[in-house]
N, C-alpha and C. Protein backbone atom coordinates (compact mmCIF):
# COMPACT_ATOMS: atom_id res chain seq x y z
N THR A 1 118.52 88.07 89.39
CA THR A 1 118.05 88.16 88.03
C THR A 1 119.20 88.53 87.10
N TYR A 2 119.94 89.57 87.48
CA TYR A 2 121.05 90.00 86.64
C TYR A 2 122.15 88.94 86.59
N ALA A 3 122.41 88.29 87.71
CA ALA A 3 123.44 87.25 87.74
C ALA A 3 123.04 86.09 86.83
N LEU A 4 121.79 85.67 86.90
CA LEU A 4 121.32 84.56 86.07
C LEU A 4 121.36 84.93 84.59
N LEU A 5 120.83 86.09 84.25
CA LEU A 5 120.83 86.51 82.84
C LEU A 5 122.24 86.76 82.33
N GLY A 6 123.11 87.31 83.16
CA GLY A 6 124.50 87.53 82.76
C GLY A 6 125.24 86.22 82.55
N ALA A 7 125.01 85.25 83.43
CA ALA A 7 125.65 83.93 83.27
C ALA A 7 125.17 83.24 82.00
N LEU A 8 123.87 83.34 81.72
CA LEU A 8 123.34 82.76 80.48
C LEU A 8 123.96 83.42 79.26
N ALA A 9 124.07 84.73 79.27
CA ALA A 9 124.66 85.44 78.15
C ALA A 9 126.12 85.03 77.95
N ARG A 10 126.86 84.92 79.04
CA ARG A 10 128.27 84.54 78.96
C ARG A 10 128.40 83.10 78.45
N ALA A 11 127.53 82.20 78.93
CA ALA A 11 127.57 80.80 78.49
C ALA A 11 127.25 80.67 77.01
N LEU A 12 126.39 81.55 76.52
CA LEU A 12 126.02 81.50 75.10
C LEU A 12 126.98 82.31 74.23
N GLY A 13 128.02 82.85 74.82
CA GLY A 13 129.04 83.56 74.06
C GLY A 13 128.71 84.99 73.75
N GLY A 14 127.72 85.55 74.41
CA GLY A 14 127.35 86.94 74.15
C GLY A 14 128.28 87.91 74.84
N GLY A 15 128.60 88.99 74.16
CA GLY A 15 129.45 90.02 74.75
C GLY A 15 128.61 91.13 75.33
N LEU A 16 127.80 90.81 76.32
CA LEU A 16 126.90 91.79 76.90
C LEU A 16 127.53 92.48 78.09
N GLU A 17 127.13 93.71 78.30
CA GLU A 17 127.58 94.47 79.46
C GLU A 17 126.35 94.96 80.22
N LEU A 18 126.51 95.08 81.52
CA LEU A 18 125.44 95.62 82.35
C LEU A 18 125.60 97.13 82.41
N GLU A 19 124.60 97.83 81.91
CA GLU A 19 124.64 99.30 81.88
C GLU A 19 123.73 99.85 82.97
N TRP A 20 124.30 100.69 83.80
CA TRP A 20 123.53 101.32 84.86
C TRP A 20 122.95 102.62 84.35
N PRO A 21 121.81 103.05 84.89
CA PRO A 21 121.28 104.36 84.48
C PRO A 21 122.26 105.46 84.87
N PRO A 22 122.27 106.54 84.14
CA PRO A 22 123.22 107.62 84.47
C PRO A 22 122.96 108.16 85.88
N ALA A 23 124.02 108.43 86.59
CA ALA A 23 123.90 108.97 87.94
C ALA A 23 123.46 110.43 87.83
N SER A 24 122.26 110.69 88.29
CA SER A 24 121.74 112.06 88.28
C SER A 24 120.72 112.19 89.40
N SER A 25 120.41 113.41 89.73
CA SER A 25 119.42 113.63 90.79
C SER A 25 118.04 113.15 90.33
N LEU A 26 117.75 113.20 89.03
CA LEU A 26 116.47 112.71 88.52
C LEU A 26 116.33 111.21 88.75
N VAL A 27 117.38 110.46 88.49
CA VAL A 27 117.35 109.02 88.71
C VAL A 27 117.21 108.74 90.21
N ALA A 28 117.94 109.47 91.03
CA ALA A 28 117.86 109.27 92.48
C ALA A 28 116.44 109.55 92.99
N TRP A 29 115.83 110.63 92.51
CA TRP A 29 114.46 110.94 92.92
C TRP A 29 113.49 109.88 92.40
N THR A 30 113.73 109.39 91.21
CA THR A 30 112.86 108.34 90.65
C THR A 30 112.95 107.08 91.49
N VAL A 31 114.16 106.67 91.83
CA VAL A 31 114.34 105.47 92.65
C VAL A 31 113.67 105.65 94.01
N ALA A 32 113.92 106.78 94.67
CA ALA A 32 113.32 107.02 95.99
C ALA A 32 111.80 107.10 95.89
N GLY A 33 111.30 107.79 94.90
CA GLY A 33 109.85 107.93 94.74
C GLY A 33 109.17 106.60 94.45
N GLN A 34 109.79 105.79 93.58
CA GLN A 34 109.19 104.49 93.26
C GLN A 34 109.24 103.54 94.45
N ALA A 35 110.30 103.60 95.23
CA ALA A 35 110.38 102.77 96.44
C ALA A 35 109.27 103.15 97.41
N LEU A 36 109.07 104.43 97.62
CA LEU A 36 108.02 104.91 98.51
C LEU A 36 106.63 104.56 97.97
N LEU A 37 106.42 104.79 96.69
CA LEU A 37 105.13 104.47 96.07
C LEU A 37 104.82 102.98 96.16
N ALA A 38 105.79 102.14 95.83
CA ALA A 38 105.57 100.70 95.87
C ALA A 38 105.26 100.25 97.30
N PHE A 39 105.98 100.77 98.29
CA PHE A 39 105.71 100.39 99.67
C PHE A 39 104.31 100.84 100.09
N ALA A 40 103.92 102.06 99.72
CA ALA A 40 102.59 102.56 100.07
C ALA A 40 101.50 101.72 99.41
N GLU A 41 101.68 101.37 98.15
CA GLU A 41 100.69 100.54 97.46
C GLU A 41 100.61 99.16 98.08
N GLU A 42 101.73 98.59 98.48
CA GLU A 42 101.71 97.26 99.11
C GLU A 42 101.02 97.32 100.47
N VAL A 43 101.29 98.36 101.24
CA VAL A 43 100.62 98.50 102.53
C VAL A 43 99.11 98.60 102.33
N TYR A 44 98.69 99.39 101.34
CA TYR A 44 97.26 99.57 101.11
C TYR A 44 96.61 98.32 100.51
N TYR A 45 97.12 97.86 99.36
CA TYR A 45 96.45 96.77 98.66
C TYR A 45 96.67 95.40 99.30
N ARG A 46 97.90 95.09 99.69
CA ARG A 46 98.16 93.78 100.26
C ARG A 46 98.06 93.77 101.77
N GLY A 47 98.30 94.89 102.41
CA GLY A 47 98.17 94.94 103.86
C GLY A 47 96.74 95.18 104.29
N LEU A 48 96.15 96.26 103.82
CA LEU A 48 94.80 96.65 104.26
C LEU A 48 93.70 95.93 103.48
N VAL A 49 93.64 96.10 102.17
CA VAL A 49 92.52 95.54 101.38
C VAL A 49 92.53 94.02 101.43
N LEU A 50 93.67 93.39 101.17
CA LEU A 50 93.74 91.93 101.20
C LEU A 50 93.40 91.40 102.59
N GLY A 51 93.96 92.03 103.61
CA GLY A 51 93.68 91.59 104.98
C GLY A 51 92.22 91.73 105.36
N GLU A 52 91.60 92.82 104.99
CA GLU A 52 90.19 93.03 105.32
C GLU A 52 89.28 92.07 104.55
N LEU A 53 89.59 91.83 103.29
CA LEU A 53 88.79 90.87 102.52
C LEU A 53 88.90 89.46 103.12
N ARG A 54 90.08 89.11 103.59
CA ARG A 54 90.23 87.80 104.26
C ARG A 54 89.41 87.75 105.54
N ARG A 55 89.41 88.86 106.27
CA ARG A 55 88.65 88.92 107.52
C ARG A 55 87.15 88.85 107.26
N LEU A 56 86.71 89.47 106.17
CA LEU A 56 85.27 89.51 105.85
C LEU A 56 84.77 88.27 105.11
N ALA A 57 85.65 87.44 104.61
CA ALA A 57 85.27 86.28 103.79
C ALA A 57 84.23 85.39 104.46
N PRO A 58 84.36 85.04 105.75
CA PRO A 58 83.33 84.19 106.36
C PRO A 58 81.95 84.85 106.37
N ARG A 59 81.91 86.16 106.52
CA ARG A 59 80.63 86.87 106.51
C ARG A 59 80.01 86.90 105.12
N LEU A 60 80.86 86.70 104.09
CA LEU A 60 80.38 86.66 102.72
C LEU A 60 80.06 85.24 102.27
N GLY A 61 80.10 84.30 103.21
CA GLY A 61 79.72 82.92 102.92
C GLY A 61 80.88 81.99 102.59
N LEU A 62 82.10 82.47 102.66
CA LEU A 62 83.26 81.62 102.37
C LEU A 62 83.84 81.13 103.69
N ARG A 63 83.47 79.94 104.08
CA ARG A 63 83.88 79.41 105.38
C ARG A 63 85.28 78.79 105.34
N ARG A 64 85.69 78.28 104.19
CA ARG A 64 87.01 77.65 104.10
C ARG A 64 88.09 78.71 103.95
N ARG A 65 89.24 78.45 104.59
CA ARG A 65 90.35 79.41 104.55
C ARG A 65 90.84 79.67 103.13
N ALA A 66 90.92 78.60 102.32
CA ALA A 66 91.41 78.77 100.94
C ALA A 66 90.48 79.68 100.15
N GLY A 67 89.18 79.53 100.33
CA GLY A 67 88.22 80.40 99.64
C GLY A 67 88.38 81.85 100.05
N GLY A 68 88.61 82.07 101.33
CA GLY A 68 88.82 83.43 101.82
C GLY A 68 90.10 84.04 101.29
N ARG A 69 91.15 83.22 101.21
CA ARG A 69 92.42 83.73 100.66
C ARG A 69 92.25 84.11 99.19
N TRP A 70 91.57 83.25 98.42
CA TRP A 70 91.40 83.55 96.99
C TRP A 70 90.49 84.75 96.78
N LEU A 71 89.45 84.88 97.58
CA LEU A 71 88.60 86.07 97.49
C LEU A 71 89.43 87.33 97.75
N ALA A 72 90.26 87.27 98.77
CA ALA A 72 91.09 88.42 99.12
C ALA A 72 92.10 88.74 98.03
N VAL A 73 92.77 87.73 97.51
CA VAL A 73 93.77 87.96 96.46
C VAL A 73 93.11 88.50 95.19
N ILE A 74 92.03 87.86 94.75
CA ILE A 74 91.36 88.29 93.52
C ILE A 74 90.73 89.67 93.70
N GLY A 75 90.04 89.88 94.82
CA GLY A 75 89.39 91.17 95.06
C GLY A 75 90.38 92.32 95.13
N SER A 76 91.45 92.15 95.90
CA SER A 76 92.44 93.22 96.00
C SER A 76 93.17 93.43 94.68
N SER A 77 93.32 92.37 93.90
CA SER A 77 93.99 92.48 92.60
C SER A 77 93.14 93.24 91.59
N VAL A 78 91.83 93.03 91.63
CA VAL A 78 90.94 93.76 90.73
C VAL A 78 91.02 95.26 91.02
N VAL A 79 90.99 95.62 92.30
CA VAL A 79 91.06 97.03 92.68
C VAL A 79 92.42 97.62 92.27
N PHE A 80 93.50 96.87 92.48
CA PHE A 80 94.84 97.31 92.09
C PHE A 80 94.90 97.53 90.58
N ALA A 81 94.36 96.60 89.82
CA ALA A 81 94.39 96.73 88.35
C ALA A 81 93.58 97.93 87.89
N LEU A 82 92.44 98.16 88.50
CA LEU A 82 91.63 99.33 88.13
C LEU A 82 92.35 100.63 88.44
N GLU A 83 93.07 100.65 89.54
CA GLU A 83 93.82 101.86 89.91
C GLU A 83 94.97 102.11 88.93
N HIS A 84 95.49 101.06 88.32
CA HIS A 84 96.60 101.19 87.37
C HIS A 84 96.14 101.31 85.92
N LEU A 85 94.84 101.38 85.70
CA LEU A 85 94.31 101.51 84.35
C LEU A 85 94.65 102.88 83.79
N ARG A 86 95.26 102.89 82.64
CA ARG A 86 95.56 104.13 81.92
C ARG A 86 94.88 104.04 80.57
N LEU A 87 93.92 104.89 80.33
CA LEU A 87 93.21 104.85 79.06
C LEU A 87 94.14 105.31 77.94
N SER A 88 94.07 104.62 76.84
CA SER A 88 94.95 104.91 75.71
C SER A 88 94.12 104.95 74.44
N SER A 89 94.59 105.73 73.49
CA SER A 89 93.90 105.80 72.21
C SER A 89 94.28 104.61 71.32
N LEU A 90 95.33 103.88 71.69
CA LEU A 90 95.75 102.72 70.92
C LEU A 90 94.87 101.53 71.28
N PRO A 91 94.36 100.80 70.28
CA PRO A 91 93.48 99.67 70.56
C PRO A 91 94.21 98.56 71.32
N GLY A 92 93.57 98.07 72.35
CA GLY A 92 94.09 96.95 73.12
C GLY A 92 95.09 97.29 74.20
N VAL A 93 95.61 98.51 74.23
CA VAL A 93 96.65 98.86 75.21
C VAL A 93 96.08 98.85 76.62
N ALA A 94 94.92 99.44 76.81
CA ALA A 94 94.31 99.48 78.15
C ALA A 94 94.03 98.07 78.65
N GLY A 95 93.56 97.21 77.78
CA GLY A 95 93.28 95.82 78.18
C GLY A 95 94.54 95.09 78.59
N ARG A 96 95.62 95.26 77.84
CA ARG A 96 96.88 94.61 78.20
C ARG A 96 97.42 95.15 79.52
N GLN A 97 97.27 96.46 79.73
CA GLN A 97 97.72 97.05 80.99
C GLN A 97 96.93 96.48 82.16
N MET A 98 95.64 96.32 81.98
CA MET A 98 94.79 95.77 83.04
C MET A 98 95.20 94.33 83.37
N VAL A 99 95.42 93.52 82.33
CA VAL A 99 95.81 92.13 82.54
C VAL A 99 97.16 92.07 83.24
N PHE A 100 98.11 92.89 82.80
CA PHE A 100 99.44 92.92 83.40
C PHE A 100 99.35 93.32 84.87
N ALA A 101 98.63 94.41 85.17
CA ALA A 101 98.52 94.88 86.56
C ALA A 101 97.79 93.85 87.42
N PHE A 102 96.74 93.23 86.89
CA PHE A 102 96.00 92.22 87.64
C PHE A 102 96.89 91.02 87.94
N ALA A 103 97.62 90.54 86.93
CA ALA A 103 98.49 89.37 87.13
C ALA A 103 99.57 89.67 88.16
N LEU A 104 100.19 90.86 88.07
CA LEU A 104 101.20 91.22 89.06
C LEU A 104 100.59 91.30 90.46
N ALA A 105 99.40 91.87 90.56
CA ALA A 105 98.75 91.99 91.86
C ALA A 105 98.45 90.62 92.46
N VAL A 106 98.02 89.68 91.63
CA VAL A 106 97.78 88.31 92.13
C VAL A 106 99.09 87.72 92.65
N LEU A 107 100.15 87.90 91.88
CA LEU A 107 101.45 87.37 92.31
C LEU A 107 101.94 88.04 93.59
N PHE A 108 101.79 89.37 93.68
CA PHE A 108 102.19 90.07 94.91
C PHE A 108 101.35 89.59 96.10
N GLY A 109 100.05 89.41 95.89
CA GLY A 109 99.19 88.92 96.97
C GLY A 109 99.62 87.54 97.44
N MET A 110 99.94 86.67 96.49
CA MET A 110 100.39 85.33 96.85
C MET A 110 101.72 85.39 97.61
N LEU A 111 102.61 86.28 97.18
CA LEU A 111 103.89 86.44 97.88
C LEU A 111 103.68 86.89 99.32
N VAL A 112 102.77 87.82 99.53
CA VAL A 112 102.50 88.30 100.88
C VAL A 112 101.90 87.18 101.73
N LEU A 113 101.00 86.40 101.17
CA LEU A 113 100.41 85.31 101.93
C LEU A 113 101.44 84.24 102.28
N VAL A 114 102.36 83.96 101.37
CA VAL A 114 103.36 82.93 101.61
C VAL A 114 104.43 83.41 102.59
N THR A 115 104.90 84.65 102.41
CA THR A 115 106.00 85.13 103.25
C THR A 115 105.55 85.87 104.50
N ARG A 116 104.30 86.34 104.49
CA ARG A 116 103.79 87.19 105.57
C ARG A 116 104.68 88.43 105.73
N ASN A 117 105.13 88.97 104.59
CA ASN A 117 106.10 90.05 104.61
C ASN A 117 105.78 91.03 103.48
N LEU A 118 105.32 92.23 103.84
CA LEU A 118 105.03 93.25 102.84
C LEU A 118 106.30 93.83 102.22
N HIS A 119 107.40 93.82 102.95
CA HIS A 119 108.64 94.40 102.44
C HIS A 119 109.16 93.65 101.22
N PHE A 120 109.01 92.34 101.23
CA PHE A 120 109.47 91.53 100.11
C PHE A 120 108.71 91.89 98.83
N SER A 121 107.39 91.94 98.91
CA SER A 121 106.60 92.28 97.71
C SER A 121 106.80 93.75 97.34
N ALA A 122 107.00 94.63 98.31
CA ALA A 122 107.23 96.04 98.01
C ALA A 122 108.55 96.24 97.27
N GLY A 123 109.58 95.51 97.67
CA GLY A 123 110.86 95.60 96.98
C GLY A 123 110.75 95.12 95.54
N LEU A 124 110.08 94.01 95.34
CA LEU A 124 109.87 93.49 93.99
C LEU A 124 109.03 94.44 93.16
N HIS A 125 108.01 95.00 93.78
CA HIS A 125 107.13 95.97 93.12
C HIS A 125 107.92 97.20 92.68
N ALA A 126 108.77 97.73 93.56
CA ALA A 126 109.57 98.92 93.23
C ALA A 126 110.53 98.61 92.09
N TRP A 127 111.15 97.44 92.13
CA TRP A 127 112.10 97.06 91.09
C TRP A 127 111.39 96.96 89.73
N ILE A 128 110.19 96.39 89.70
CA ILE A 128 109.42 96.29 88.45
C ILE A 128 109.08 97.69 87.94
N ASN A 129 108.67 98.58 88.84
CA ASN A 129 108.38 99.96 88.42
C ASN A 129 109.62 100.62 87.80
N LEU A 130 110.78 100.41 88.42
CA LEU A 130 112.01 101.00 87.89
C LEU A 130 112.36 100.42 86.52
N LEU A 131 112.15 99.12 86.35
CA LEU A 131 112.39 98.52 85.04
C LEU A 131 111.49 99.14 83.98
N LEU A 132 110.23 99.31 84.31
CA LEU A 132 109.28 99.85 83.33
C LEU A 132 109.55 101.31 83.02
N LEU A 133 110.15 102.02 83.97
CA LEU A 133 110.50 103.43 83.74
C LEU A 133 111.88 103.61 83.10
N GLY A 134 112.61 102.53 82.95
CA GLY A 134 113.96 102.62 82.38
C GLY A 134 115.00 103.13 83.36
N ALA A 135 114.73 103.04 84.65
CA ALA A 135 115.66 103.55 85.66
C ALA A 135 116.39 102.42 86.38
N ALA A 136 116.36 101.21 85.81
CA ALA A 136 117.07 100.07 86.39
C ALA A 136 118.19 99.65 85.44
N PRO A 137 119.20 98.96 85.94
CA PRO A 137 120.26 98.48 85.06
C PRO A 137 119.70 97.56 83.97
N ARG A 138 120.41 97.49 82.84
CA ARG A 138 119.96 96.62 81.75
C ARG A 138 121.20 96.13 80.99
N PHE A 139 121.03 94.99 80.34
CA PHE A 139 122.12 94.46 79.53
C PHE A 139 122.07 95.11 78.16
N VAL A 140 123.26 95.52 77.68
CA VAL A 140 123.37 96.14 76.36
C VAL A 140 124.42 95.39 75.55
N ASP A 141 124.31 95.51 74.23
CA ASP A 141 125.30 94.90 73.35
C ASP A 141 126.45 95.88 73.14
N GLY A 142 127.38 95.52 72.27
CA GLY A 142 128.55 96.36 72.02
C GLY A 142 128.22 97.74 71.51
N ALA A 143 127.07 97.88 70.82
CA ALA A 143 126.66 99.18 70.28
C ALA A 143 125.88 100.00 71.29
N GLY A 144 125.63 99.43 72.48
CA GLY A 144 124.90 100.17 73.51
C GLY A 144 123.39 99.99 73.46
N GLY A 145 122.91 99.10 72.59
CA GLY A 145 121.48 98.87 72.49
C GLY A 145 121.00 97.82 73.47
N ALA A 146 119.82 98.02 74.02
CA ALA A 146 119.24 97.06 74.96
C ALA A 146 119.01 95.73 74.25
N VAL A 147 119.38 94.63 74.90
CA VAL A 147 119.22 93.33 74.27
C VAL A 147 118.02 92.55 74.80
N LEU A 148 117.48 92.97 75.92
CA LEU A 148 116.33 92.29 76.50
C LEU A 148 115.25 93.30 76.85
N PRO A 149 114.00 92.97 76.58
CA PRO A 149 112.92 93.86 77.01
C PRO A 149 112.73 93.78 78.52
N ALA A 150 112.08 94.78 79.08
CA ALA A 150 111.83 94.80 80.53
C ALA A 150 111.08 93.56 80.99
N GLY A 151 110.22 93.04 80.13
CA GLY A 151 109.45 91.85 80.50
C GLY A 151 110.30 90.64 80.83
N THR A 152 111.45 90.52 80.20
CA THR A 152 112.36 89.40 80.49
C THR A 152 112.89 89.51 81.91
N TYR A 153 113.33 90.69 82.29
CA TYR A 153 113.83 90.90 83.66
C TYR A 153 112.70 90.65 84.67
N ILE A 154 111.51 91.14 84.34
CA ILE A 154 110.37 90.97 85.24
C ILE A 154 110.03 89.50 85.41
N GLY A 155 109.95 88.78 84.31
CA GLY A 155 109.61 87.35 84.37
C GLY A 155 110.62 86.55 85.17
N VAL A 156 111.89 86.75 84.88
CA VAL A 156 112.94 86.03 85.61
C VAL A 156 112.93 86.46 87.08
N GLY A 157 112.76 87.74 87.33
CA GLY A 157 112.72 88.23 88.71
C GLY A 157 111.56 87.64 89.50
N LEU A 158 110.39 87.51 88.87
CA LEU A 158 109.24 86.93 89.57
C LEU A 158 109.47 85.44 89.86
N ILE A 159 110.05 84.74 88.91
CA ILE A 159 110.35 83.32 89.15
C ILE A 159 111.30 83.18 90.32
N LEU A 160 112.38 83.96 90.31
CA LEU A 160 113.35 83.91 91.41
C LEU A 160 112.73 84.38 92.72
N GLY A 161 111.84 85.38 92.64
CA GLY A 161 111.15 85.86 93.84
C GLY A 161 110.29 84.79 94.47
N PHE A 162 109.59 84.03 93.64
CA PHE A 162 108.77 82.95 94.18
C PHE A 162 109.62 81.83 94.74
N CYS A 163 110.75 81.54 94.12
CA CYS A 163 111.66 80.54 94.68
C CYS A 163 112.17 80.99 96.04
N ALA A 164 112.57 82.27 96.13
CA ALA A 164 113.04 82.81 97.41
C ALA A 164 111.94 82.80 98.45
N ALA A 165 110.71 83.13 98.05
CA ALA A 165 109.58 83.13 98.99
C ALA A 165 109.30 81.73 99.51
N ALA A 166 109.38 80.74 98.63
CA ALA A 166 109.14 79.35 99.05
C ALA A 166 110.21 78.91 100.04
N ILE A 167 111.45 79.25 99.77
CA ILE A 167 112.54 78.89 100.69
C ILE A 167 112.35 79.62 102.02
N TYR A 168 112.03 80.89 101.96
CA TYR A 168 111.81 81.68 103.18
C TYR A 168 110.66 81.09 104.00
N ALA A 169 109.56 80.78 103.35
CA ALA A 169 108.39 80.23 104.06
C ALA A 169 108.72 78.89 104.69
N ARG A 170 109.50 78.09 103.99
CA ARG A 170 109.88 76.79 104.55
C ARG A 170 110.77 76.92 105.77
N ARG A 171 111.72 77.86 105.68
CA ARG A 171 112.66 78.04 106.78
C ARG A 171 112.03 78.66 108.00
N THR A 172 111.06 79.53 107.79
CA THR A 172 110.42 80.20 108.93
C THR A 172 109.16 79.48 109.37
N SER A 173 108.79 78.43 108.65
CA SER A 173 107.57 77.66 108.94
C SER A 173 106.35 78.56 109.00
N ALA A 174 106.34 79.56 108.12
CA ALA A 174 105.20 80.48 108.05
C ALA A 174 104.02 79.74 107.45
N PRO A 175 102.85 79.78 108.11
CA PRO A 175 101.69 79.13 107.52
C PRO A 175 101.28 79.84 106.24
N ALA A 176 100.81 79.07 105.26
CA ALA A 176 100.44 79.63 103.95
C ALA A 176 99.30 80.63 104.07
N GLY A 177 98.63 80.70 105.17
CA GLY A 177 97.49 81.60 105.32
C GLY A 177 97.84 82.95 105.89
N GLY A 178 99.07 83.30 106.05
CA GLY A 178 99.61 84.52 106.65
C GLY A 178 98.80 85.77 106.55
N VAL A 179 99.38 86.88 106.75
CA VAL A 179 98.88 88.25 106.81
C VAL A 179 97.92 88.41 107.93
């Protein structure tokens, strides 16, 4: 993500620099905590909940594998989004947070099904958390101001993550129905 965005900035003549978060014990604890949290959430939501919903799908009347996969992805994503709901006094904020968390959960679920690998989605999940907390590197201009919102890094990272997942799945011949 950083290489692609940095190359684009350089090609467009931008004088951007990659700024790392200050080295401190708070940043180190944040990175370690977010990595652990993301892995635990992936094990629970994509490992346990998604897997169990796939297993139960035929009993719920979904005989086709694709129907079971979609039930599992959507069901586990709804629960993930509800767990990430933060009520806000600002109008529309809670709704946007729900949509964002649901969309990410769907993408993480699809990544797990394609790669059959919780570590891949957990790493991406942790990196997104760090971006949202401001504990990840970012491009800054000459005055030190951030030039891209976290959403840009997230969007590019997800696109590249799906490209990597597709290549990985092709090389390992992992069936699309994994987990």
